[in-house]
Amino acid sequence: QVQLAESGGGLVQAGGSLRISCTTSERTFRLYSMAWFRRAPGKEREFVAGIVWSSGSVYYTQYAGSVKGRFRISRGNARDAVYQQMNSLKPEDTAVYYCAAAERSGTVVITHTGYYAYWGQGTQVTVSS
């Protein structure tokens, strides 16, 4: 059973930066798709960013419109971790951020929650104004 663990959340002022991480319980090369979702108070869980491996070193990324240009998703060389660098943070970025993974490869990042079989417990990110 694959387990995911997020870390790196915290409190930051608007305009600041944070880097959150998601590590897996084992080096699982079959986790071809990984993504970040978030849930703000009173809202549904929403897609933030994702990365999917097609073959070899070819990968694709996708971002929600609200974070494009400010967030960057990346993966560790051993493919046992995924990171999200978040810059120019806004109060509306305040949410619990969840890491998700799926054992599927492809050329398109899937943005709906049902695609991902494995989830972390989440890490809180709070942006003060």
Protein backbone atom coordinates (compact mmCIF):
# COMPACT_ATOMS: atom_id res chain seq x y z
CA GLN A 1 0.00 0.00 0.00
CA VAL A 2 1.50 3.28 -1.10
CA GLN A 3 1.46 6.04 1.48
CA LEU A 4 1.94 9.72 0.78
CA ALA A 5 3.04 12.31 3.33
CA GLU A 6 2.93 16.07 2.81
CA SER A 7 5.13 18.56 4.62
CA GLY A 8 6.25 22.17 4.42
CA GLY A 9 2.99 24.00 5.00
CA GLY A 10 2.74 26.94 7.34
CA LEU A 11 1.85 30.58 7.77
CA VAL A 12 3.19 33.16 5.33
CA GLN A 13 2.39 36.75 4.49
CA ALA A 14 0.81 37.69 1.19
CA GLY A 15 3.47 37.96 -1.49
CA GLY A 16 5.66 35.39 0.22
CA SER A 17 6.74 31.91 -0.84
CA LEU A 18 6.46 28.38 0.45
CA ARG A 19 7.62 25.02 -0.82
CA ILE A 20 5.57 21.98 0.06
CA SER A 21 6.71 18.42 -0.39
CA CYS A 22 5.11 15.04 -0.78
CA THR A 23 7.10 11.90 -0.14
CA THR A 24 6.05 8.34 -0.80
CA SER A 25 6.47 5.40 1.52
CA GLU A 26 8.71 3.66 -0.95
CA ARG A 27 10.48 4.29 -4.21
CA THR A 28 7.60 3.57 -6.53
CA PHE A 29 8.44 4.10 -10.13
CA ARG A 30 4.93 3.08 -11.08
CA LEU A 31 3.49 6.34 -9.71
CA TYR A 32 3.44 7.96 -13.11
CA SER A 33 0.90 10.64 -12.25
CA MET A 34 1.12 12.94 -9.25
CA ALA A 35 -0.79 16.07 -8.42
CA TRP A 36 -1.60 18.69 -5.82
CA PHE A 37 -5.15 19.51 -4.84
CA ARG A 38 -6.38 21.93 -2.21
CA ARG A 39 -9.50 22.54 -0.18
CA ALA A 40 -10.27 25.94 1.23
CA PRO A 41 -12.75 26.33 4.11
CA GLY A 42 -16.29 25.86 2.86
CA LYS A 43 -15.20 24.90 -0.65
CA GLU A 44 -14.78 21.74 -2.68
CA ARG A 45 -11.40 20.15 -3.20
CA GLU A 46 -9.88 21.58 -6.36
CA PHE A 47 -7.01 20.73 -8.67
CA VAL A 48 -3.91 22.91 -8.34
CA ALA A 49 -1.10 21.32 -10.35
CA GLY A 50 -0.14 17.95 -11.77
CA ILE A 51 2.70 16.10 -13.45
CA VAL A 52 2.56 12.91 -15.52
CA TRP A 53 5.26 10.78 -17.04
CA SER A 54 4.76 9.45 -20.53
CA SER A 55 7.92 7.48 -21.20
CA GLY A 56 11.56 7.77 -20.27
CA SER A 57 12.26 11.35 -19.24
CA VAL A 58 9.26 12.87 -21.04
CA TYR A 59 6.76 14.43 -18.69
CA TYR A 60 3.90 16.91 -18.82
CA THR A 61 2.63 19.44 -16.31
CA GLN A 62 -0.60 21.38 -15.93
CA TYR A 63 -1.72 24.15 -13.60
CA ALA A 64 -4.99 25.62 -12.53
CA GLY A 65 -5.52 29.07 -13.99
CA SER A 66 -5.51 30.67 -10.56
CA VAL A 67 -1.94 29.53 -9.82
CA LYS A 68 -0.35 29.50 -13.27
CA GLY A 69 2.83 31.54 -13.30
CA ARG A 70 3.08 31.50 -9.51
CA PHE A 71 3.28 27.79 -8.62
CA ARG A 72 5.66 25.20 -10.00
CA ILE A 73 5.38 21.45 -9.59
CA SER A 74 8.44 19.25 -9.83
CA ARG A 75 9.48 15.73 -9.01
CA GLY A 76 12.51 14.23 -7.34
CA ASN A 77 15.00 12.39 -9.51
CA ALA A 78 14.14 9.10 -7.87
CA ARG A 79 10.45 9.80 -8.51
CA ASP A 80 9.72 9.20 -4.85
CA ALA A 81 8.74 12.77 -4.09
CA VAL A 82 6.88 15.67 -5.63
CA TYR A 83 7.30 19.30 -4.74
CA GLN A 84 5.34 22.47 -5.24
CA GLN A 85 7.06 25.82 -5.14
CA MET A 86 4.49 28.51 -4.40
CA ASN A 87 5.42 32.14 -5.02
CA SER A 88 3.51 35.40 -4.79
CA LEU A 89 1.07 33.79 -2.42
CA LYS A 90 -2.34 35.36 -1.93
CA PRO A 91 -4.84 35.04 0.94
CA GLU A 92 -7.10 33.07 -1.41
CA ASP A 93 -4.40 30.39 -1.61
CA THR A 94 -5.16 29.53 2.01
CA ALA A 95 -6.21 25.89 2.09
CA VAL A 96 -5.24 22.39 3.05
CA TYR A 97 -3.03 21.07 0.27
CA TYR A 98 -3.21 17.38 -0.62
CA CYS A 99 -0.83 15.24 -2.60
CA ALA A 100 -2.33 12.61 -4.89
CA ALA A 101 -0.86 9.84 -7.02
CA ALA A 102 -1.94 7.30 -9.61
CA GLU A 103 -0.25 4.33 -11.26
CA ARG A 104 -1.05 5.52 -14.74
CA SER A 105 1.08 7.15 -17.38
CA GLY A 106 -0.10 9.42 -20.15
CA THR A 107 0.37 12.65 -21.98
CA VAL A 108 -2.37 14.63 -20.27
CA VAL A 109 -2.62 15.58 -16.62
CA ILE A 110 -5.94 14.50 -15.19
CA THR A 111 -7.55 17.09 -12.96
CA HIS A 112 -10.41 15.24 -11.31
CA THR A 113 -10.01 13.62 -7.91
CA GLY A 114 -11.44 10.23 -8.89
CA TYR A 115 -8.44 9.46 -11.09
CA TYR A 116 -6.00 9.32 -8.19
CA ALA A 117 -5.86 6.20 -6.03
CA TYR A 118 -3.50 7.43 -3.34
CA TRP A 119 -3.82 10.51 -1.16
CA GLY A 120 -1.89 12.15 1.64
CA GLN A 121 -3.38 13.62 4.82
CA GLY A 122 -2.78 17.19 3.74
CA THR A 123 -0.73 20.14 4.92
CA GLN A 124 -2.16 23.51 5.93
CA VAL A 125 -1.06 26.61 4.07
CA THR A 126 -2.25 29.93 5.50
CA VAL A 127 -1.57 33.23 3.76
CA SER A 128 -2.19 36.35 5.80
CA SER A 129 -3.09 39.67 4.21
